[in-house]
PDB file of N, CA and C in Angstrom:
ATOM      1  N   MET A   1      -3.271 -47.705 -60.430  1.00  0.00           N
ATOM      2  CA  MET A   1      -4.334 -48.787 -60.307  1.00  0.00           C
ATOM      3  C   MET A   1      -5.320 -47.904 -61.107  1.00  0.00           C
ATOM      4  N   GLN A   2      -6.297 -48.834 -62.128  1.00  0.00           N
ATOM      5  CA  GLN A   2      -7.231 -48.992 -63.327  1.00  0.00           C
ATOM      6  C   GLN A   2      -7.861 -49.095 -62.184  1.00  0.00           C
ATOM      7  N   LYS A   3      -9.285 -48.843 -62.612  1.00  0.00           N
ATOM      8  CA  LYS A   3     -10.845 -48.818 -61.738  1.00  0.00           C
ATOM      9  C   LYS A   3     -12.111 -48.166 -62.653  1.00  0.00           C
ATOM     10  N   LYS A   4     -12.459 -48.932 -62.333  1.00  0.00           N
ATOM     11  CA  LYS A   4     -13.980 -48.329 -63.325  1.00  0.00           C
ATOM     12  C   LYS A   4     -15.192 -48.670 -62.627  1.00  0.00           C
ATOM     13  N   PHE A   5     -16.037 -46.928 -62.849  1.00  0.00           N
ATOM     14  CA  PHE A   5     -16.639 -46.315 -62.255  1.00  0.00           C
ATOM     15  C   PHE A   5     -18.434 -46.771 -62.917  1.00  0.00           C
ATOM     16  N   LYS A   6     -19.513 -46.903 -62.499  1.00  0.00           N
ATOM     17  CA  LYS A   6     -20.762 -46.922 -63.016  1.00  0.00           C
ATOM     18  C   LYS A   6     -20.590 -45.584 -63.019  1.00  0.00           C
ATOM     19  N   ILE A   7     -21.307 -44.662 -64.139  1.00  0.00           N
ATOM     20  CA  ILE A   7     -21.247 -42.943 -63.592  1.00  0.00           C
ATOM     21  C   ILE A   7     -23.102 -43.038 -64.584  1.00  0.00           C
ATOM     22  N   GLU A   8     -23.267 -41.584 -64.054  1.00  0.00           N
ATOM     23  CA  GLU A   8     -24.805 -41.117 -64.925  1.00  0.00           C
ATOM     24  C   GLU A   8     -24.529 -39.554 -65.243  1.00  0.00           C
ATOM     25  N   VAL A   9     -24.384 -40.238 -66.881  1.00  0.00           N
ATOM     26  CA  VAL A   9     -23.618 -38.530 -67.326  1.00  0.00           C
ATOM     27  C   VAL A   9     -25.172 -38.584 -68.299  1.00  0.00           C
ATOM     28  N   ASP A  10     -25.340 -37.266 -68.945  1.00  0.00           N
ATOM     29  CA  ASP A  10     -26.782 -36.687 -70.100  1.00  0.00           C
ATOM     30  C   ASP A  10     -27.329 -37.628 -71.418  1.00  0.00           C
ATOM     31  N   CYS A  11     -25.493 -36.915 -72.097  1.00  0.00           N
ATOM     32  CA  CYS A  11     -25.071 -36.610 -73.100  1.00  0.00           C
ATOM     33  C   CYS A  11     -23.416 -37.250 -73.374  1.00  0.00           C
ATOM     34  N   ALA A  12     -23.791 -37.269 -74.550  1.00  0.00           N
ATOM     35  CA  ALA A  12     -22.292 -37.985 -75.338  1.00  0.00           C
ATOM     36  C   ALA A  12     -21.135 -36.392 -74.824  1.00  0.00           C
ATOM     37  N   ASN A  13     -21.615 -35.716 -75.591  1.00  0.00           N
ATOM     38  CA  ASN A  13     -20.542 -33.981 -75.452  1.00  0.00           C
ATOM     39  C   ASN A  13     -20.483 -33.927 -73.985  1.00  0.00           C
ATOM     40  N   CYS A  14     -21.507 -34.451 -72.929  1.00  0.00           N
ATOM     41  CA  CYS A  14     -20.722 -33.651 -71.124  1.00  0.00           C
ATOM     42  C   CYS A  14     -19.705 -35.117 -71.435  1.00  0.00           C
ATOM     43  N   ALA A  15     -20.745 -36.036 -71.965  1.00  0.00           N
ATOM     44  CA  ALA A  15     -19.503 -37.021 -71.423  1.00  0.00           C
ATOM     45  C   ALA A  15     -17.387 -36.974 -71.990  1.00  0.00           C
ATOM     46  N   ALA A  16     -17.771 -36.437 -73.184  1.00  0.00           N
ATOM     47  CA  ALA A  16     -16.289 -35.924 -73.849  1.00  0.00           C
ATOM     48  C   ALA A  16     -15.876 -35.168 -72.968  1.00  0.00           C
ATOM     49  N   LYS A  17     -16.768 -33.616 -72.530  1.00  0.00           N
ATOM     50  CA  LYS A  17     -15.784 -33.195 -72.670  1.00  0.00           C
ATOM     51  C   LYS A  17     -15.576 -33.236 -71.020  1.00  0.00           C
ATOM     52  N   ILE A  18     -16.453 -34.111 -69.854  1.00  0.00           N
ATOM     53  CA  ILE A  18     -16.077 -34.668 -68.670  1.00  0.00           C
ATOM     54  C   ILE A  18     -13.947 -35.779 -68.720  1.00  0.00           C
ATOM     55  N   GLU A  19     -14.744 -36.401 -69.892  1.00  0.00           N
ATOM     56  CA  GLU A  19     -12.756 -37.311 -70.308  1.00  0.00           C
ATOM     57  C   GLU A  19     -12.159 -36.311 -70.421  1.00  0.00           C
ATOM     58  N   ASP A  20     -12.092 -35.434 -71.036  1.00  0.00           N
ATOM     59  CA  ASP A  20     -11.060 -34.329 -71.693  1.00  0.00           C
ATOM     60  C   ASP A  20     -10.418 -33.221 -69.863  1.00  0.00           C
ATOM     61  N   ALA A  21     -11.409 -32.640 -69.090  1.00  0.00           N
ATOM     62  CA  ALA A  21     -11.204 -32.237 -68.385  1.00  0.00           C
ATOM     63  C   ALA A  21     -10.423 -33.139 -67.348  1.00  0.00           C
ATOM     64  N   VAL A  22     -10.952 -34.547 -66.538  1.00  0.00           N
ATOM     65  CA  VAL A  22     -10.605 -35.015 -65.536  1.00  0.00           C
ATOM     66  C   VAL A  22      -9.729 -35.826 -66.291  1.00  0.00           C
ATOM     67  N   GLY A  23      -9.145 -36.401 -68.125  1.00  0.00           N
ATOM     68  CA  GLY A  23      -7.664 -36.763 -67.833  1.00  0.00           C
ATOM     69  C   GLY A  23      -6.570 -35.583 -68.162  1.00  0.00           C
ATOM     70  N   LYS A  24      -7.186 -34.110 -67.349  1.00  0.00           N
ATOM     71  CA  LYS A  24      -5.501 -33.672 -67.427  1.00  0.00           C
ATOM     72  C   LYS A  24      -5.611 -33.004 -65.943  1.00  0.00           C
ATOM     73  N   LEU A  25      -6.515 -33.697 -64.597  1.00  0.00           N
ATOM     74  CA  LEU A  25      -6.367 -33.286 -63.806  1.00  0.00           C
ATOM     75  C   LEU A  25      -5.221 -34.046 -62.416  1.00  0.00           C
ATOM     76  N   PRO A  26      -4.021 -33.609 -62.469  1.00  0.00           N
ATOM     77  CA  PRO A  26      -2.785 -33.852 -61.551  1.00  0.00           C
ATOM     78  C   PRO A  26      -3.034 -35.147 -60.992  1.00  0.00           C
ATOM     79  N   GLY A  27      -2.403 -35.841 -60.826  1.00  0.00           N
ATOM     80  CA  GLY A  27      -2.595 -37.479 -60.465  1.00  0.00           C
ATOM     81  C   GLY A  27      -3.658 -38.517 -61.209  1.00  0.00           C
ATOM     82  N   VAL A  28      -4.207 -37.778 -62.210  1.00  0.00           N
ATOM     83  CA  VAL A  28      -4.728 -38.576 -63.201  1.00  0.00           C
ATOM     84  C   VAL A  28      -3.824 -39.338 -64.527  1.00  0.00           C
ATOM     85  N   ASN A  29      -3.511 -40.399 -65.123  1.00  0.00           N
ATOM     86  CA  ASN A  29      -3.407 -40.666 -65.891  1.00  0.00           C
ATOM     87  C   ASN A  29      -3.441 -41.076 -67.152  1.00  0.00           C
ATOM     88  N   ARG A  30      -4.629 -41.878 -67.054  1.00  0.00           N
ATOM     89  CA  ARG A  30      -5.676 -41.629 -67.766  1.00  0.00           C
ATOM     90  C   ARG A  30      -7.634 -42.182 -67.500  1.00  0.00           C
ATOM     91  N   ALA A  31      -8.089 -41.494 -68.572  1.00  0.00           N
ATOM     92  CA  ALA A  31      -9.829 -41.579 -67.891  1.00  0.00           C
ATOM     93  C   ALA A  31     -10.875 -41.600 -69.189  1.00  0.00           C
ATOM     94  N   THR A  32     -10.982 -42.399 -69.228  1.00  0.00           N
ATOM     95  CA  THR A  32     -12.322 -42.597 -70.114  1.00  0.00           C
ATOM     96  C   THR A  32     -13.206 -43.122 -69.714  1.00  0.00           C
ATOM     97  N   VAL A  33     -14.024 -41.679 -70.259  1.00  0.00           N
ATOM     98  CA  VAL A  33     -16.017 -41.480 -70.092  1.00  0.00           C
ATOM     99  C   VAL A  33     -16.377 -42.318 -71.391  1.00  0.00           C
ATOM    100  N   SER A  34     -17.459 -42.679 -71.236  1.00  0.00           N
ATOM    101  CA  SER A  34     -18.553 -44.014 -72.376  1.00  0.00           C
ATOM    102  C   SER A  34     -19.952 -43.168 -71.590  1.00  0.00           C
ATOM    103  N   PHE A  35     -20.413 -42.630 -72.635  1.00  0.00           N
ATOM    104  CA  PHE A  35     -22.100 -42.156 -72.490  1.00  0.00           C
ATOM    105  C   PHE A  35     -22.605 -43.444 -72.539  1.00  0.00           C
ATOM    106  N   MET A  36     -22.659 -44.519 -73.593  1.00  0.00           N
ATOM    107  CA  MET A  36     -23.143 -45.343 -74.202  1.00  0.00           C
ATOM    108  C   MET A  36     -23.346 -46.098 -73.027  1.00  0.00           C
ATOM    109  N   THR A  37     -22.314 -46.766 -72.668  1.00  0.00           N
ATOM    110  CA  THR A  37     -22.414 -47.949 -71.152  1.00  0.00           C
ATOM    111  C   THR A  37     -21.944 -47.184 -69.913  1.00  0.00           C
ATOM    112  N   GLN A  38     -22.319 -45.918 -69.697  1.00  0.00           N
ATOM    113  CA  GLN A  38     -22.475 -45.075 -68.285  1.00  0.00           C
ATOM    114  C   GLN A  38     -21.702 -45.703 -67.700  1.00  0.00           C
ATOM    115  N   LYS A  39     -20.002 -45.667 -68.242  1.00  0.00           N
ATOM    116  CA  LYS A  39     -19.149 -45.937 -67.389  1.00  0.00           C
ATOM    117  C   LYS A  39     -17.803 -45.174 -67.360  1.00  0.00           C
ATOM    118  N   MET A  40     -17.222 -44.848 -66.438  1.00  0.00           N
ATOM    119  CA  MET A  40     -15.564 -44.377 -66.838  1.00  0.00           C
ATOM    120  C   MET A  40     -14.333 -45.168 -66.098  1.00  0.00           C
ATOM    121  N   VAL A  41     -13.503 -45.100 -66.315  1.00  0.00           N
ATOM    122  CA  VAL A  41     -12.395 -45.792 -66.553  1.00  0.00           C
ATOM    123  C   VAL A  41     -11.128 -44.932 -66.024  1.00  0.00           C
ATOM    124  N   LEU A  42     -10.784 -44.832 -64.881  1.00  0.00           N
ATOM    125  CA  LEU A  42      -9.960 -44.329 -64.086  1.00  0.00           C
ATOM    126  C   LEU A  42      -8.190 -44.726 -64.114  1.00  0.00           C
ATOM    127  N   ASP A  43      -7.366 -44.257 -64.484  1.00  0.00           N
ATOM    128  CA  ASP A  43      -5.614 -45.012 -64.213  1.00  0.00           C
ATOM    129  C   ASP A  43      -5.157 -44.040 -63.456  1.00  0.00           C
ATOM    130  N   ILE A  44      -4.841 -44.017 -62.193  1.00  0.00           N
ATOM    131  CA  ILE A  44      -4.426 -43.175 -61.180  1.00  0.00           C
ATOM    132  C   ILE A  44      -3.528 -43.687 -59.895  1.00  0.00           C
ATOM    133  N   ALA A  45      -2.487 -43.703 -59.829  1.00  0.00           N
ATOM    134  CA  ALA A  45      -1.738 -43.466 -58.369  1.00  0.00           C
ATOM    135  C   ALA A  45      -2.302 -43.850 -57.670  1.00  0.00           C
ATOM    136  N   ASP A  46      -2.434 -45.159 -56.747  1.00  0.00           N
ATOM    137  CA  ASP A  46      -2.359 -46.269 -55.314  1.00  0.00           C
ATOM    138  C   ASP A  46      -2.215 -45.152 -54.431  1.00  0.00           C
ATOM    139  N   ASP A  47      -1.454 -44.276 -54.602  1.00  0.00           N
ATOM    140  CA  ASP A  47      -1.159 -43.458 -53.203  1.00  0.00           C
ATOM    141  C   ASP A  47      -1.818 -42.013 -53.241  1.00  0.00           C
ATOM    142  N   GLN A  48      -2.634 -41.713 -53.992  1.00  0.00           N
ATOM    143  CA  GLN A  48      -3.157 -40.665 -53.908  1.00  0.00           C
ATOM    144  C   GLN A  48      -5.078 -41.040 -54.248  1.00  0.00           C
ATOM    145  N   PHE A  49      -5.641 -42.128 -55.048  1.00  0.00           N
ATOM    146  CA  PHE A  49      -6.318 -42.257 -54.999  1.00  0.00           C
ATOM    147  C   PHE A  49      -8.098 -41.664 -54.721  1.00  0.00           C
ATOM    148  N   ASP A  50      -7.995 -41.248 -53.038  1.00  0.00           N
ATOM    149  CA  ASP A  50      -8.860 -40.998 -52.768  1.00  0.00           C
ATOM    150  C   ASP A  50      -8.762 -39.274 -53.018  1.00  0.00           C
ATOM    151  N   GLU A  51      -7.611 -38.588 -53.123  1.00  0.00           N
ATOM    152  CA  GLU A  51      -7.645 -36.980 -52.264  1.00  0.00           C
ATOM    153  C   GLU A  51      -8.007 -37.099 -54.561  1.00  0.00           C
ATOM    154  N   VAL A  52      -7.542 -37.682 -55.192  1.00  0.00           N
ATOM    155  CA  VAL A  52      -7.399 -37.582 -56.591  1.00  0.00           C
ATOM    156  C   VAL A  52      -8.902 -37.883 -56.973  1.00  0.00           C
ATOM    157  N   ILE A  53      -9.932 -38.903 -56.898  1.00  0.00           N
ATOM    158  CA  ILE A  53     -11.108 -39.186 -56.701  1.00  0.00           C
ATOM    159  C   ILE A  53     -12.214 -37.456 -56.643  1.00  0.00           C
ATOM    160  N   LYS A  54     -12.064 -37.676 -55.762  1.00  0.00           N
ATOM    161  CA  LYS A  54     -12.714 -35.957 -54.693  1.00  0.00           C
ATOM    162  C   LYS A  54     -12.468 -34.546 -56.103  1.00  0.00           C
ATOM    163  N   SER A  55     -11.223 -34.358 -56.986  1.00  0.00           N
ATOM    164  CA  SER A  55     -10.900 -33.841 -57.839  1.00  0.00           C
ATOM    165  C   SER A  55     -11.854 -34.244 -58.945  1.00  0.00           C
ATOM    166  N   VAL A  56     -11.451 -35.715 -59.240  1.00  0.00           N
ATOM    167  CA  VAL A  56     -12.599 -35.912 -60.324  1.00  0.00           C
ATOM    168  C   VAL A  56     -13.866 -35.775 -60.153  1.00  0.00           C
ATOM    169  N   VAL A  57     -14.570 -36.223 -58.907  1.00  0.00           N
ATOM    170  CA  VAL A  57     -15.991 -36.286 -58.992  1.00  0.00           C
ATOM    171  C   VAL A  57     -16.333 -34.308 -59.271  1.00  0.00           C
ATOM    172  N   LYS A  58     -15.953 -33.571 -58.295  1.00  0.00           N
ATOM    173  CA  LYS A  58     -15.748 -32.141 -58.154  1.00  0.00           C
ATOM    174  C   LYS A  58     -15.943 -31.600 -60.366  1.00  0.00           C
ATOM    175  N   THR A  59     -14.843 -31.885 -60.413  1.00  0.00           N
ATOM    176  CA  THR A  59     -14.939 -31.649 -61.624  1.00  0.00           C
ATOM    177  C   THR A  59     -15.860 -32.078 -63.212  1.00  0.00           C
ATOM    178  N   ALA A  60     -16.275 -33.192 -62.611  1.00  0.00           N
ATOM    179  CA  ALA A  60     -17.362 -33.558 -63.676  1.00  0.00           C
ATOM    180  C   ALA A  60     -18.753 -33.213 -62.785  1.00  0.00           C
ATOM    181  N   LYS A  61     -19.195 -32.624 -61.152  1.00  0.00           N
ATOM    182  CA  LYS A  61     -20.324 -31.953 -61.682  1.00  0.00           C
ATOM    183  C   LYS A  61     -20.092 -30.880 -61.944  1.00  0.00           C
ATOM    184  N   ARG A  62     -18.992 -30.045 -61.687  1.00  0.00           N
ATOM    185  CA  ARG A  62     -18.740 -28.408 -62.392  1.00  0.00           C
ATOM    186  C   ARG A  62     -19.272 -28.591 -64.596  1.00  0.00           C
ATOM    187  N   ILE A  63     -18.917 -29.526 -64.816  1.00  0.00           N
ATOM    188  CA  ILE A  63     -19.278 -29.766 -66.000  1.00  0.00           C
ATOM    189  C   ILE A  63     -21.138 -30.014 -66.928  1.00  0.00           C
ATOM    190  N   GLU A  64     -21.432 -31.022 -65.746  1.00  0.00           N
ATOM    191  CA  GLU A  64     -22.444 -31.606 -65.909  1.00  0.00           C
ATOM    192  C   GLU A  64     -22.943 -31.429 -64.856  1.00  0.00           C
ATOM    193  N   PRO A  65     -24.048 -30.911 -63.802  1.00  0.00           N
ATOM    194  CA  PRO A  65     -24.527 -30.616 -62.528  1.00  0.00           C
ATOM    195  C   PRO A  65     -25.264 -32.081 -62.277  1.00  0.00           C
ATOM    196  N   ASP A  66     -25.613 -33.121 -62.883  1.00  0.00           N
ATOM    197  CA  ASP A  66     -26.311 -34.159 -62.486  1.00  0.00           C
ATOM    198  C   ASP A  66     -25.904 -34.997 -62.988  1.00  0.00           C
ATOM    199  N   PHE A  67     -23.967 -35.423 -62.796  1.00  0.00           N
ATOM    200  CA  PHE A  67     -23.374 -36.321 -63.358  1.00  0.00           C
ATOM    201  C   PHE A  67     -23.362 -36.749 -61.642  1.00  0.00           C
ATOM    202  N   GLU A  68     -23.408 -38.112 -61.888  1.00  0.00           N
ATOM    203  CA  GLU A  68     -23.606 -38.910 -60.576  1.00  0.00           C
ATOM    204  C   GLU A  68     -22.642 -40.636 -60.908  1.00  0.00           C
ATOM    205  N   ILE A  69     -21.530 -40.213 -59.786  1.00  0.00           N
ATOM    206  CA  ILE A  69     -20.539 -41.566 -59.408  1.00  0.00           C
ATOM    207  C   ILE A  69     -21.224 -43.147 -58.891  1.00  0.00           C
ATOM    208  N   GLU A  70     -21.044 -44.022 -58.716  1.00  0.00           N
ATOM    209  CA  GLU A  70     -20.896 -44.883 -57.612  1.00  0.00           C
ATOM    210  C   GLU A  70     -19.546 -45.339 -57.050  1.00  0.00           C
ATOM    211  N   LEU A  71     -19.416 -44.727 -56.542  1.00  0.00           N
ATOM    212  CA  LEU A  71     -17.871 -45.291 -55.812  1.00  0.00           C
ATOM    213  C   LEU A  71     -17.889 -46.645 -55.333  1.00  0.00           C
TER     214      LEU A  71
END
């Protein structure tokens, strides 16, 4: 399932790091993070969504402590 989320990330470099790290997480087929639009697009299997989204948020906050996502 592909879903779009509104996010808050402080810089383009952090957005690129988050995109790279989240894209490598198990269960994430594809991740796109845009600093300019403050959006994140995730492609995650339906049956793993709740579990994977927790890992996504945890990973993003490790890179950018001010990271926010509207679920």
